[in-house]
Amino acid sequence: MLTLLLAEIEHNSEVINTVFDRVGPDRAMEDLIGLPDFPKLKARTWSNVQERAAALLPDDLMAALDGYYSPLETLLTLMGFANMVSDSIDRTLREKIQEAKPEWSVASVSKSWSATATTL
């Protein structure tokens, strides 16, 4: 189970690294959310093993896994919404990114960002 979770986390890390490589490291994280490769992040393994993990894993490991997967699941859900780049979704996405990565600076996204993202 832990091997499968590690593989999923490594997959997600590679997706993020690939997105950053394509657009450059100077782009703000919130500008990357609408890019077509971003939804390739996965949480399937976690969804399949979460109950079993809760019964078998120590509390500190469960807390770490939940801290990783909870914002990711919310982000993936929000990304599936039609017209997700509204003010309220933008605000929620910034909050979820800030929760997951408190060391990142998450600024407000301008209305023109989606035009920029589609030209990449």
PDB file of N, CA and C in Angstrom:
ATOM      1  N   MET A   1       0.819  -1.184   0.000  1.00  0.00           N
ATOM      2  CA  MET A   1       0.000   0.000   0.000  1.00  0.00           C
ATOM      3  C   MET A   1       0.873   1.262   0.000  1.00  0.00           C
ATOM      4  N   LEU A   2       1.900   1.282   0.857  1.00  0.00           N
ATOM      5  CA  LEU A   2       2.777   2.453   0.906  1.00  0.00           C
ATOM      6  C   LEU A   2       3.572   2.612  -0.385  1.00  0.00           C
ATOM      7  N   THR A   3       3.932   1.492  -1.002  1.00  0.00           N
ATOM      8  CA  THR A   3       4.646   1.559  -2.282  1.00  0.00           C
ATOM      9  C   THR A   3       3.763   2.192  -3.351  1.00  0.00           C
ATOM     10  N   LEU A   4       2.493   1.831  -3.368  1.00  0.00           N
ATOM     11  CA  LEU A   4       1.562   2.410  -4.337  1.00  0.00           C
ATOM     12  C   LEU A   4       1.361   3.910  -4.087  1.00  0.00           C
ATOM     13  N   LEU A   5       1.230   4.285  -2.831  1.00  0.00           N
ATOM     14  CA  LEU A   5       1.069   5.707  -2.501  1.00  0.00           C
ATOM     15  C   LEU A   5       2.314   6.501  -2.880  1.00  0.00           C
ATOM     16  N   LEU A   6       3.479   5.930  -2.597  1.00  0.00           N
ATOM     17  CA  LEU A   6       4.722   6.605  -2.965  1.00  0.00           C
ATOM     18  C   LEU A   6       4.812   6.787  -4.481  1.00  0.00           C
ATOM     19  N   ALA A   7       4.412   5.762  -5.226  1.00  0.00           N
ATOM     20  CA  ALA A   7       4.438   5.869  -6.695  1.00  0.00           C
ATOM     21  C   ALA A   7       3.500   6.977  -7.172  1.00  0.00           C
ATOM     22  N   GLU A   8       2.336   7.096  -6.545  1.00  0.00           N
ATOM     23  CA  GLU A   8       1.395   8.147  -6.935  1.00  0.00           C
ATOM     24  C   GLU A   8       1.952   9.529  -6.609  1.00  0.00           C
ATOM     25  N   ILE A   9       2.554   9.676  -5.453  1.00  0.00           N
ATOM     26  CA  ILE A   9       3.149  10.957  -5.060  1.00  0.00           C
ATOM     27  C   ILE A   9       4.306  11.311  -5.990  1.00  0.00           C
ATOM     28  N   GLU A  10       5.128  10.334  -6.346  1.00  0.00           N
ATOM     29  CA  GLU A  10       6.229  10.583  -7.286  1.00  0.00           C
ATOM     30  C   GLU A  10       5.700  10.959  -8.664  1.00  0.00           C
ATOM     31  N   HIS A  11       4.611  10.328  -9.095  1.00  0.00           N
ATOM     32  CA  HIS A  11       3.974  10.698 -10.365  1.00  0.00           C
ATOM     33  C   HIS A  11       3.553  12.163 -10.325  1.00  0.00           C
ATOM     34  N   ASN A  12       2.891  12.565  -9.246  1.00  0.00           N
ATOM     35  CA  ASN A  12       2.432  13.948  -9.123  1.00  0.00           C
ATOM     36  C   ASN A  12       3.598  14.921  -9.102  1.00  0.00           C
ATOM     37  N   SER A  13       4.668  14.541  -8.436  1.00  0.00           N
ATOM     38  CA  SER A  13       5.861  15.379  -8.412  1.00  0.00           C
ATOM     39  C   SER A  13       6.422  15.551  -9.822  1.00  0.00           C
ATOM     40  N   GLU A  14       6.447  14.491 -10.589  1.00  0.00           N
ATOM     41  CA  GLU A  14       6.953  14.568 -11.966  1.00  0.00           C
ATOM     42  C   GLU A  14       6.052  15.448 -12.833  1.00  0.00           C
ATOM     43  N   VAL A  15       4.737  15.347 -12.648  1.00  0.00           N
ATOM     44  CA  VAL A  15       3.815  16.207 -13.397  1.00  0.00           C
ATOM     45  C   VAL A  15       4.102  17.672 -13.094  1.00  0.00           C
ATOM     46  N   ILE A  16       4.229  18.010 -11.809  1.00  0.00           N
ATOM     47  CA  ILE A  16       4.504  19.396 -11.416  1.00  0.00           C
ATOM     48  C   ILE A  16       5.842  19.860 -11.994  1.00  0.00           C
ATOM     49  N   ASN A  17       6.867  19.022 -11.897  1.00  0.00           N
ATOM     50  CA  ASN A  17       8.177  19.385 -12.451  1.00  0.00           C
ATOM     51  C   ASN A  17       8.106  19.595 -13.956  1.00  0.00           C
ATOM     52  N   THR A  18       7.361  18.753 -14.651  1.00  0.00           N
ATOM     53  CA  THR A  18       7.217  18.885 -16.106  1.00  0.00           C
ATOM     54  C   THR A  18       6.491  20.175 -16.464  1.00  0.00           C
ATOM     55  N   VAL A  19       5.441  20.498 -15.724  1.00  0.00           N
ATOM     56  CA  VAL A  19       4.712  21.748 -15.974  1.00  0.00           C
ATOM     57  C   VAL A  19       5.640  22.933 -15.764  1.00  0.00           C
ATOM     58  N   PHE A  20       6.403  22.928 -14.667  1.00  0.00           N
ATOM     59  CA  PHE A  20       7.348  24.016 -14.414  1.00  0.00           C
ATOM     60  C   PHE A  20       8.410  24.095 -15.513  1.00  0.00           C
ATOM     61  N   ASP A  21       8.908  22.954 -15.979  1.00  0.00           N
ATOM     62  CA  ASP A  21       9.907  22.949 -17.053  1.00  0.00           C
ATOM     63  C   ASP A  21       9.352  23.564 -18.326  1.00  0.00           C
ATOM     64  N   ARG A  22       8.095  23.306 -18.618  1.00  0.00           N
ATOM     65  CA  ARG A  22       7.491  23.807 -19.854  1.00  0.00           C
ATOM     66  C   ARG A  22       7.236  25.309 -19.825  1.00  0.00           C
ATOM     67  N   VAL A  23       6.859  25.824 -18.667  1.00  0.00           N
ATOM     68  CA  VAL A  23       6.487  27.241 -18.607  1.00  0.00           C
ATOM     69  C   VAL A  23       7.540  28.111 -17.954  1.00  0.00           C
ATOM     70  N   GLY A  24       8.530  27.496 -17.345  1.00  0.00           N
ATOM     71  CA  GLY A  24       9.601  28.258 -16.704  1.00  0.00           C
ATOM     72  C   GLY A  24       9.368  28.413 -15.215  1.00  0.00           C
ATOM     73  N   PRO A  25      10.426  28.444 -14.465  1.00  0.00           N
ATOM     74  CA  PRO A  25      10.319  28.491 -13.002  1.00  0.00           C
ATOM     75  C   PRO A  25       9.859  29.841 -12.457  1.00  0.00           C
ATOM     76  N   ASP A  26       9.823  30.863 -13.290  1.00  0.00           N
ATOM     77  CA  ASP A  26       9.437  32.186 -12.812  1.00  0.00           C
ATOM     78  C   ASP A  26       7.923  32.397 -12.776  1.00  0.00           C
ATOM     79  N   ARG A  27       7.167  31.488 -13.386  1.00  0.00           N
ATOM     80  CA  ARG A  27       5.707  31.612 -13.387  1.00  0.00           C
ATOM     81  C   ARG A  27       5.168  31.301 -12.001  1.00  0.00           C
ATOM     82  N   ALA A  28       4.216  32.062 -11.570  1.00  0.00           N
ATOM     83  CA  ALA A  28       3.583  31.825 -10.273  1.00  0.00           C
ATOM     84  C   ALA A  28       2.768  30.538 -10.327  1.00  0.00           C
ATOM     85  N   MET A  29       2.742  29.807  -9.232  1.00  0.00           N
ATOM     86  CA  MET A  29       2.030  28.535  -9.185  1.00  0.00           C
ATOM     87  C   MET A  29       0.567  28.698  -9.575  1.00  0.00           C
ATOM     88  N   GLU A  30      -0.085  29.766  -9.115  1.00  0.00           N
ATOM     89  CA  GLU A  30      -1.498  29.933  -9.425  1.00  0.00           C
ATOM     90  C   GLU A  30      -1.740  30.138 -10.915  1.00  0.00           C
ATOM     91  N   ASP A  31      -0.737  30.575 -11.668  1.00  0.00           N
ATOM     92  CA  ASP A  31      -0.884  30.730 -13.110  1.00  0.00           C
ATOM     93  C   ASP A  31      -0.869  29.384 -13.829  1.00  0.00           C
ATOM     94  N   LEU A  32      -0.429  28.344 -13.154  1.00  0.00           N
ATOM     95  CA  LEU A  32      -0.305  27.032 -13.788  1.00  0.00           C
ATOM     96  C   LEU A  32      -1.567  26.197 -13.684  1.00  0.00           C
ATOM     97  N   ILE A  33      -2.473  26.554 -12.810  1.00  0.00           N
ATOM     98  CA  ILE A  33      -3.646  25.732 -12.526  1.00  0.00           C
ATOM     99  C   ILE A  33      -4.465  25.455 -13.783  1.00  0.00           C
ATOM    100  N   GLY A  34      -4.630  26.416 -14.656  1.00  0.00           N
ATOM    101  CA  GLY A  34      -5.467  26.237 -15.833  1.00  0.00           C
ATOM    102  C   GLY A  34      -4.787  25.559 -17.007  1.00  0.00           C
ATOM    103  N   LEU A  35      -3.509  25.231 -16.878  1.00  0.00           N
ATOM    104  CA  LEU A  35      -2.808  24.589 -17.980  1.00  0.00           C
ATOM    105  C   LEU A  35      -3.314  23.161 -18.177  1.00  0.00           C
ATOM    106  N   PRO A  36      -3.331  22.666 -19.407  1.00  0.00           N
ATOM    107  CA  PRO A  36      -3.939  21.363 -19.682  1.00  0.00           C
ATOM    108  C   PRO A  36      -3.236  20.176 -19.016  1.00  0.00           C
ATOM    109  N   ASP A  37      -1.970  20.297 -18.662  1.00  0.00           N
ATOM    110  CA  ASP A  37      -1.272  19.170 -18.037  1.00  0.00           C
ATOM    111  C   ASP A  37      -1.527  19.069 -16.537  1.00  0.00           C
ATOM    112  N   PHE A  38      -1.981  20.132 -15.925  1.00  0.00           N
ATOM    113  CA  PHE A  38      -2.160  20.137 -14.480  1.00  0.00           C
ATOM    114  C   PHE A  38      -3.151  19.084 -13.991  1.00  0.00           C
ATOM    115  N   PRO A  39      -4.265  18.843 -14.704  1.00  0.00           N
ATOM    116  CA  PRO A  39      -5.216  17.827 -14.228  1.00  0.00           C
ATOM    117  C   PRO A  39      -4.697  16.386 -14.283  1.00  0.00           C
ATOM    118  N   LYS A  40      -3.486  16.173 -14.747  1.00  0.00           N
ATOM    119  CA  LYS A  40      -2.924  14.825 -14.783  1.00  0.00           C
ATOM    120  C   LYS A  40      -2.440  14.366 -13.400  1.00  0.00           C
ATOM    121  N   LEU A  41      -2.553  15.241 -12.411  1.00  0.00           N
ATOM    122  CA  LEU A  41      -2.246  14.847 -11.041  1.00  0.00           C
ATOM    123  C   LEU A  41      -3.247  13.772 -10.619  1.00  0.00           C
ATOM    124  N   LYS A  42      -2.802  12.858  -9.756  1.00  0.00           N
ATOM    125  CA  LYS A  42      -3.645  11.729  -9.378  1.00  0.00           C
ATOM    126  C   LYS A  42      -3.873  11.665  -7.877  1.00  0.00           C
ATOM    127  N   ALA A  43      -5.034  11.132  -7.514  1.00  0.00           N
ATOM    128  CA  ALA A  43      -5.342  10.813  -6.118  1.00  0.00           C
ATOM    129  C   ALA A  43      -6.106   9.492  -6.048  1.00  0.00           C
ATOM    130  N   ARG A  44      -6.084   8.712  -7.130  1.00  0.00           N
ATOM    131  CA  ARG A  44      -6.853   7.459  -7.190  1.00  0.00           C
ATOM    132  C   ARG A  44      -6.409   6.436  -6.159  1.00  0.00           C
ATOM    133  N   THR A  45      -5.087   6.244  -6.043  1.00  0.00           N
ATOM    134  CA  THR A  45      -4.597   5.243  -5.101  1.00  0.00           C
ATOM    135  C   THR A  45      -5.050   5.588  -3.696  1.00  0.00           C
ATOM    136  N   TRP A  46      -4.911   6.854  -3.318  1.00  0.00           N
ATOM    137  CA  TRP A  46      -5.335   7.288  -1.993  1.00  0.00           C
ATOM    138  C   TRP A  46      -6.813   7.013  -1.791  1.00  0.00           C
ATOM    139  N   SER A  47      -7.628   7.316  -2.785  1.00  0.00           N
ATOM    140  CA  SER A  47      -9.064   7.069  -2.676  1.00  0.00           C
ATOM    141  C   SER A  47      -9.355   5.588  -2.451  1.00  0.00           C
ATOM    142  N   ASN A  48      -8.571   4.732  -3.090  1.00  0.00           N
ATOM    143  CA  ASN A  48      -8.790   3.288  -2.979  1.00  0.00           C
ATOM    144  C   ASN A  48      -8.313   2.689  -1.662  1.00  0.00           C
ATOM    145  N   VAL A  49      -7.313   3.284  -1.024  1.00  0.00           N
ATOM    146  CA  VAL A  49      -6.721   2.662   0.173  1.00  0.00           C
ATOM    147  C   VAL A  49      -6.918   3.474   1.447  1.00  0.00           C
ATOM    148  N   GLN A  50      -7.625   4.577   1.377  1.00  0.00           N
ATOM    149  CA  GLN A  50      -7.719   5.484   2.519  1.00  0.00           C
ATOM    150  C   GLN A  50      -8.286   4.799   3.766  1.00  0.00           C
ATOM    151  N   GLU A  51      -9.347   4.029   3.642  1.00  0.00           N
ATOM    152  CA  GLU A  51      -9.933   3.374   4.816  1.00  0.00           C
ATOM    153  C   GLU A  51      -8.981   2.341   5.404  1.00  0.00           C
ATOM    154  N   ARG A  52      -8.373   1.559   4.537  1.00  0.00           N
ATOM    155  CA  ARG A  52      -7.424   0.548   5.011  1.00  0.00           C
ATOM    156  C   ARG A  52      -6.213   1.216   5.660  1.00  0.00           C
ATOM    157  N   ALA A  53      -5.751   2.307   5.064  1.00  0.00           N
ATOM    158  CA  ALA A  53      -4.612   3.037   5.616  1.00  0.00           C
ATOM    159  C   ALA A  53      -4.932   3.562   7.015  1.00  0.00           C
ATOM    160  N   ALA A  54      -6.138   4.065   7.201  1.00  0.00           N
ATOM    161  CA  ALA A  54      -6.528   4.593   8.508  1.00  0.00           C
ATOM    162  C   ALA A  54      -6.485   3.509   9.583  1.00  0.00           C
ATOM    163  N   ALA A  55      -6.777   2.287   9.188  1.00  0.00           N
ATOM    164  CA  ALA A  55      -6.762   1.188  10.155  1.00  0.00           C
ATOM    165  C   ALA A  55      -5.360   0.662  10.427  1.00  0.00           C
ATOM    166  N   LEU A  56      -4.446   0.818   9.460  1.00  0.00           N
ATOM    167  CA  LEU A  56      -3.141   0.172   9.571  1.00  0.00           C
ATOM    168  C   LEU A  56      -1.975   1.107   9.881  1.00  0.00           C
ATOM    169  N   LEU A  57      -2.063   2.346   9.477  1.00  0.00           N
ATOM    170  CA  LEU A  57      -0.907   3.246   9.581  1.00  0.00           C
ATOM    171  C   LEU A  57      -0.939   4.052  10.878  1.00  0.00           C
ATOM    172  N   PRO A  58       0.236   4.440  11.363  1.00  0.00           N
ATOM    173  CA  PRO A  58       0.286   5.297  12.554  1.00  0.00           C
ATOM    174  C   PRO A  58      -0.349   6.661  12.273  1.00  0.00           C
ATOM    175  N   ASP A  59      -0.826   7.280  13.345  1.00  0.00           N
ATOM    176  CA  ASP A  59      -1.537   8.561  13.218  1.00  0.00           C
ATOM    177  C   ASP A  59      -0.705   9.644  12.538  1.00  0.00           C
ATOM    178  N   ASP A  60       0.592   9.716  12.850  1.00  0.00           N
ATOM    179  CA  ASP A  60       1.413  10.776  12.261  1.00  0.00           C
ATOM    180  C   ASP A  60       1.574  10.588  10.754  1.00  0.00           C
ATOM    181  N   LEU A  61       1.672   9.352  10.297  1.00  0.00           N
ATOM    182  CA  LEU A  61       1.765   9.087   8.856  1.00  0.00           C
ATOM    183  C   LEU A  61       0.428   9.381   8.171  1.00  0.00           C
ATOM    184  N   MET A  62      -0.661   9.006   8.822  1.00  0.00           N
ATOM    185  CA  MET A  62      -1.983   9.318   8.260  1.00  0.00           C
ATOM    186  C   MET A  62      -2.180  10.824   8.155  1.00  0.00           C
ATOM    187  N   ALA A  63      -1.739  11.557   9.161  1.00  0.00           N
ATOM    188  CA  ALA A  63      -1.868  13.020   9.135  1.00  0.00           C
ATOM    189  C   ALA A  63      -1.047  13.605   7.986  1.00  0.00           C
ATOM    190  N   ALA A  64       0.157  13.081   7.769  1.00  0.00           N
ATOM    191  CA  ALA A  64       0.999  13.571   6.669  1.00  0.00           C
ATOM    192  C   ALA A  64       0.355  13.260   5.320  1.00  0.00           C
ATOM    193  N   LEU A  65      -0.158  12.053   5.164  1.00  0.00           N
ATOM    194  CA  LEU A  65      -0.814  11.684   3.901  1.00  0.00           C
ATOM    195  C   LEU A  65      -2.076  12.518   3.669  1.00  0.00           C
ATOM    196  N   ASP A  66      -2.851  12.714   4.717  1.00  0.00           N
ATOM    197  CA  ASP A  66      -4.050  13.531   4.592  1.00  0.00           C
ATOM    198  C   ASP A  66      -3.695  14.982   4.275  1.00  0.00           C
ATOM    199  N   GLY A  67      -2.613  15.470   4.856  1.00  0.00           N
ATOM    200  CA  GLY A  67      -2.161  16.830   4.570  1.00  0.00           C
ATOM    201  C   GLY A  67      -1.740  17.016   3.121  1.00  0.00           C
ATOM    202  N   TYR A  68      -1.278  15.945   2.501  1.00  0.00           N
ATOM    203  CA  TYR A  68      -0.906  15.999   1.084  1.00  0.00           C
ATOM    204  C   TYR A  68      -2.147  15.834   0.205  1.00  0.00           C
ATOM    205  N   TYR A  69      -2.941  14.808   0.494  1.00  0.00           N
ATOM    206  CA  TYR A  69      -4.035  14.451  -0.407  1.00  0.00           C
ATOM    207  C   TYR A  69      -5.279  15.318  -0.271  1.00  0.00           C
ATOM    208  N   SER A  70      -5.582  15.818   0.894  1.00  0.00           N
ATOM    209  CA  SER A  70      -6.810  16.597   1.068  1.00  0.00           C
ATOM    210  C   SER A  70      -6.838  17.841   0.174  1.00  0.00           C
ATOM    211  N   PRO A  71      -5.796  18.691   0.194  1.00  0.00           N
ATOM    212  CA  PRO A  71      -5.821  19.844  -0.726  1.00  0.00           C
ATOM    213  C   PRO A  71      -5.773  19.413  -2.196  1.00  0.00           C
ATOM    214  N   LEU A  72      -5.063  18.299  -2.491  1.00  0.00           N
ATOM    215  CA  LEU A  72      -4.994  17.825  -3.873  1.00  0.00           C
ATOM    216  C   LEU A  72      -6.364  17.387  -4.369  1.00  0.00           C
ATOM    217  N   GLU A  73      -7.097  16.638  -3.545  1.00  0.00           N
ATOM    218  CA  GLU A  73      -8.432  16.204  -3.948  1.00  0.00           C
ATOM    219  C   GLU A  73      -9.357  17.393  -4.172  1.00  0.00           C
ATOM    220  N   THR A  74      -9.272  18.390  -3.302  1.00  0.00           N
ATOM    221  CA  THR A  74     -10.093  19.594  -3.472  1.00  0.00           C
ATOM    222  C   THR A  74      -9.711  20.313  -4.761  1.00  0.00           C
ATOM    223  N   LEU A  75      -8.422  20.452  -5.007  1.00  0.00           N
ATOM    224  CA  LEU A  75      -7.947  21.106  -6.220  1.00  0.00           C
ATOM    225  C   LEU A  75      -8.430  20.372  -7.461  1.00  0.00           C
ATOM    226  N   LEU A  76      -8.306  19.049  -7.488  1.00  0.00           N
ATOM    227  CA  LEU A  76      -8.746  18.274  -8.644  1.00  0.00           C
ATOM    228  C   LEU A  76     -10.256  18.394  -8.856  1.00  0.00           C
ATOM    229  N   THR A  77     -11.011  18.442  -7.778  1.00  0.00           N
ATOM    230  CA  THR A  77     -12.457  18.626  -7.894  1.00  0.00           C
ATOM    231  C   THR A  77     -12.778  19.991  -8.489  1.00  0.00           C
ATOM    232  N   LEU A  78     -12.146  21.031  -7.961  1.00  0.00           N
ATOM    233  CA  LEU A  78     -12.408  22.383  -8.454  1.00  0.00           C
ATOM    234  C   LEU A  78     -11.996  22.543  -9.907  1.00  0.00           C
ATOM    235  N   MET A  79     -10.927  21.875 -10.302  1.00  0.00           N
ATOM    236  CA  MET A  79     -10.467  21.983 -11.687  1.00  0.00           C
ATOM    237  C   MET A  79     -11.448  21.357 -12.664  1.00  0.00           C
ATOM    238  N   GLY A  80     -12.293  20.477 -12.181  1.00  0.00           N
ATOM    239  CA  GLY A  80     -13.281  19.847 -13.041  1.00  0.00           C
ATOM    240  C   GLY A  80     -14.516  20.693 -13.273  1.00  0.00           C
ATOM    241  N   PHE A  81     -14.661  21.789 -12.542  1.00  0.00           N
ATOM    242  CA  PHE A  81     -15.827  22.651 -12.702  1.00  0.00           C
ATOM    243  C   PHE A  81     -15.749  23.421 -14.015  1.00  0.00           C
ATOM    244  N   ALA A  82     -16.897  23.581 -14.658  1.00  0.00           N
ATOM    245  CA  ALA A  82     -16.974  24.428 -15.847  1.00  0.00           C
ATOM    246  C   ALA A  82     -16.725  25.871 -15.413  1.00  0.00           C
ATOM    247  N   ASN A  83     -16.035  26.626 -16.244  1.00  0.00           N
ATOM    248  CA  ASN A  83     -15.732  28.037 -15.966  1.00  0.00           C
ATOM    249  C   ASN A  83     -15.112  28.219 -14.590  1.00  0.00           C
ATOM    250  N   MET A  84     -14.133  27.382 -14.286  1.00  0.00           N
ATOM    251  CA  MET A  84     -13.571  27.378 -12.941  1.00  0.00           C
ATOM    252  C   MET A  84     -12.794  28.638 -12.590  1.00  0.00           C
ATOM    253  N   VAL A  85     -12.506  29.493 -13.545  1.00  0.00           N
ATOM    254  CA  VAL A  85     -11.695  30.664 -13.249  1.00  0.00           C
ATOM    255  C   VAL A  85     -12.579  31.855 -12.883  1.00  0.00           C
ATOM    256  N   SER A  86     -13.497  31.632 -11.996  1.00  0.00           N
ATOM    257  CA  SER A  86     -14.289  32.746 -11.476  1.00  0.00           C
ATOM    258  C   SER A  86     -13.571  33.280 -10.243  1.00  0.00           C
ATOM    259  N   ASP A  87     -14.025  34.392  -9.751  1.00  0.00           N
ATOM    260  CA  ASP A  87     -13.382  34.974  -8.566  1.00  0.00           C
ATOM    261  C   ASP A  87     -13.422  34.031  -7.374  1.00  0.00           C
ATOM    262  N   SER A  88     -14.556  33.376  -7.156  1.00  0.00           N
ATOM    263  CA  SER A  88     -14.651  32.504  -5.975  1.00  0.00           C
ATOM    264  C   SER A  88     -13.773  31.274  -6.125  1.00  0.00           C
ATOM    265  N   ILE A  89     -13.705  30.696  -7.306  1.00  0.00           N
ATOM    266  CA  ILE A  89     -12.839  29.532  -7.525  1.00  0.00           C
ATOM    267  C   ILE A  89     -11.386  29.962  -7.415  1.00  0.00           C
ATOM    268  N   ASP A  90     -11.064  31.107  -7.992  1.00  0.00           N
ATOM    269  CA  ASP A  90      -9.701  31.618  -7.895  1.00  0.00           C
ATOM    270  C   ASP A  90      -9.293  31.779  -6.433  1.00  0.00           C
ATOM    271  N   ARG A  91     -10.164  32.342  -5.643  1.00  0.00           N
ATOM    272  CA  ARG A  91      -9.880  32.544  -4.222  1.00  0.00           C
ATOM    273  C   ARG A  91      -9.698  31.199  -3.513  1.00  0.00           C
ATOM    274  N   THR A  92     -10.560  30.240  -3.810  1.00  0.00           N
ATOM    275  CA  THR A  92     -10.466  28.922  -3.190  1.00  0.00           C
ATOM    276  C   THR A  92      -9.193  28.207  -3.608  1.00  0.00           C
ATOM    277  N   LEU A  93      -8.850  28.290  -4.886  1.00  0.00           N
ATOM    278  CA  LEU A  93      -7.621  27.662  -5.354  1.00  0.00           C
ATOM    279  C   LEU A  93      -6.400  28.254  -4.661  1.00  0.00           C
ATOM    280  N   ARG A  94      -6.365  29.578  -4.534  1.00  0.00           N
ATOM    281  CA  ARG A  94      -5.248  30.219  -3.848  1.00  0.00           C
ATOM    282  C   ARG A  94      -5.156  29.758  -2.403  1.00  0.00           C
ATOM    283  N   GLU A  95      -6.301  29.619  -1.738  1.00  0.00           N
ATOM    284  CA  GLU A  95      -6.302  29.143  -0.349  1.00  0.00           C
ATOM    285  C   GLU A  95      -5.774  27.711  -0.263  1.00  0.00           C
ATOM    286  N   LYS A  96      -6.201  26.833  -1.192  1.00  0.00           N
ATOM    287  CA  LYS A  96      -5.772  25.440  -1.161  1.00  0.00           C
ATOM    288  C   LYS A  96      -4.282  25.314  -1.474  1.00  0.00           C
ATOM    289  N   ILE A  97      -3.801  26.115  -2.404  1.00  0.00           N
ATOM    290  CA  ILE A  97      -2.369  26.100  -2.712  1.00  0.00           C
ATOM    291  C   ILE A  97      -1.590  26.576  -1.491  1.00  0.00           C
ATOM    292  N   GLN A  98      -2.075  27.619  -0.842  1.00  0.00           N
ATOM    293  CA  GLN A  98      -1.393  28.151   0.333  1.00  0.00           C
ATOM    294  C   GLN A  98      -1.373  27.123   1.465  1.00  0.00           C
ATOM    295  N   GLU A  99      -2.475  26.360   1.621  1.00  0.00           N
ATOM    296  CA  GLU A  99      -2.508  25.290   2.624  1.00  0.00           C
ATOM    297  C   GLU A  99      -1.468  24.224   2.327  1.00  0.00           C
ATOM    298  N   ALA A 100      -1.416  23.810   1.060  1.00  0.00           N
ATOM    299  CA  ALA A 100      -0.521  22.723   0.675  1.00  0.00           C
ATOM    300  C   ALA A 100       0.940  23.163   0.667  1.00  0.00           C
ATOM    301  N   LYS A 101       1.194  24.392   0.274  1.00  0.00           N
ATOM    302  CA  LYS A 101       2.562  24.894   0.152  1.00  0.00           C
ATOM    303  C   LYS A 101       2.663  26.264   0.793  1.00  0.00           C
ATOM    304  N   PRO A 102       2.725  26.327   2.129  1.00  0.00           N
ATOM    305  CA  PRO A 102       2.744  27.641   2.791  1.00  0.00           C
ATOM    306  C   PRO A 102       3.961  28.491   2.448  1.00  0.00           C
ATOM    307  N   GLU A 103       5.033  27.872   1.942  1.00  0.00           N
ATOM    308  CA  GLU A 103       6.226  28.657   1.607  1.00  0.00           C
ATOM    309  C   GLU A 103       6.083  29.387   0.267  1.00  0.00           C
ATOM    310  N   TRP A 104       5.068  29.055  -0.524  1.00  0.00           N
ATOM    311  CA  TRP A 104       4.856  29.733  -1.801  1.00  0.00           C
ATOM    312  C   TRP A 104       4.070  31.012  -1.589  1.00  0.00           C
ATOM    313  N   SER A 105       4.380  32.020  -2.372  1.00  0.00           N
ATOM    314  CA  SER A 105       3.607  33.247  -2.358  1.00  0.00           C
ATOM    315  C   SER A 105       2.469  33.083  -3.349  1.00  0.00           C
ATOM    316  N   VAL A 106       1.248  33.207  -2.884  1.00  0.00           N
ATOM    317  CA  VAL A 106       0.085  32.986  -3.741  1.00  0.00           C
ATOM    318  C   VAL A 106      -0.668  34.299  -3.875  1.00  0.00           C
ATOM    319  N   ALA A 107      -0.474  34.945  -5.013  1.00  0.00           N
ATOM    320  CA  ALA A 107      -1.098  36.241  -5.264  1.00  0.00           C
ATOM    321  C   ALA A 107      -2.406  36.049  -6.017  1.00  0.00           C
ATOM    322  N   SER A 108      -3.178  37.091  -6.079  1.00  0.00           N
ATOM    323  CA  SER A 108      -4.425  37.060  -6.834  1.00  0.00           C
ATOM    324  C   SER A 108      -4.133  36.930  -8.318  1.00  0.00           C
ATOM    325  N   VAL A 109      -4.951  36.138  -8.985  1.00  0.00           N
ATOM    326  CA  VAL A 109      -4.780  35.912 -10.420  1.00  0.00           C
ATOM    327  C   VAL A 109      -5.549  36.984 -11.177  1.00  0.00           C
ATOM    328  N   SER A 110      -4.913  37.544 -12.204  1.00  0.00           N
ATOM    329  CA  SER A 110      -5.590  38.567 -12.996  1.00  0.00           C
ATOM    330  C   SER A 110      -6.578  37.925 -13.951  1.00  0.00           C
ATOM    331  N   LYS A 111      -7.531  38.696 -14.419  1.00  0.00           N
ATOM    332  CA  LYS A 111      -8.556  38.201 -15.343  1.00  0.00           C
ATOM    333  C   LYS A 111      -7.957  37.748 -16.675  1.00  0.00           C
ATOM    334  N   SER A 112      -6.801  38.275 -17.034  1.00  0.00           N
ATOM    335  CA  SER A 112      -6.216  37.928 -18.328  1.00  0.00           C
ATOM    336  C   SER A 112      -5.344  36.684 -18.296  1.00  0.00           C
ATOM    337  N   TRP A 113      -5.233  36.023 -17.142  1.00  0.00           N
ATOM    338  CA  TRP A 113      -4.312  34.892 -17.038  1.00  0.00           C
ATOM    339  C   TRP A 113      -4.719  33.736 -17.929  1.00  0.00           C
ATOM    340  N   SER A 114      -6.015  33.508 -18.126  1.00  0.00           N
ATOM    341  CA  SER A 114      -6.418  32.351 -18.921  1.00  0.00           C
ATOM    342  C   SER A 114      -6.013  32.540 -20.387  1.00  0.00           C
ATOM    343  N   ALA A 115      -6.016  33.757 -20.872  1.00  0.00           N
ATOM    344  CA  ALA A 115      -5.547  34.003 -22.237  1.00  0.00           C
ATOM    345  C   ALA A 115      -4.068  33.711 -22.340  1.00  0.00           C
ATOM    346  N   THR A 116      -3.315  34.075 -21.323  1.00  0.00           N
ATOM    347  CA  THR A 116      -1.873  33.784 -21.295  1.00  0.00           C
ATOM    348  C   THR A 116      -1.642  32.295 -21.217  1.00  0.00           C
ATOM    349  N   ALA A 117      -2.383  31.591 -20.387  1.00  0.00           N
ATOM    350  CA  ALA A 117      -2.195  30.154 -20.211  1.00  0.00           C
ATOM    351  C   ALA A 117      -2.503  29.397 -21.487  1.00  0.00           C
ATOM    352  N   THR A 118      -3.508  29.831 -22.252  1.00  0.00           N
ATOM    353  CA  THR A 118      -3.863  29.100 -23.463  1.00  0.00           C
ATOM    354  C   THR A 118      -2.852  29.318 -24.583  1.00  0.00           C
ATOM    355  N   THR A 119      -2.025  30.355 -24.481  1.00  0.00           N
ATOM    356  CA  THR A 119      -1.024  30.584 -25.524  1.00  0.00           C
ATOM    357  C   THR A 119       0.242  29.798 -25.272  1.00  0.00           C
ATOM    358  N   LEU A 120       0.367  29.168 -24.108  1.00  0.00           N
ATOM    359  CA  LEU A 120       1.568  28.385 -23.803  1.00  0.00           C
ATOM    360  C   LEU A 120       1.466  27.117 -24.519  1.00  0.00           C
TER     361      LEU A 120
END
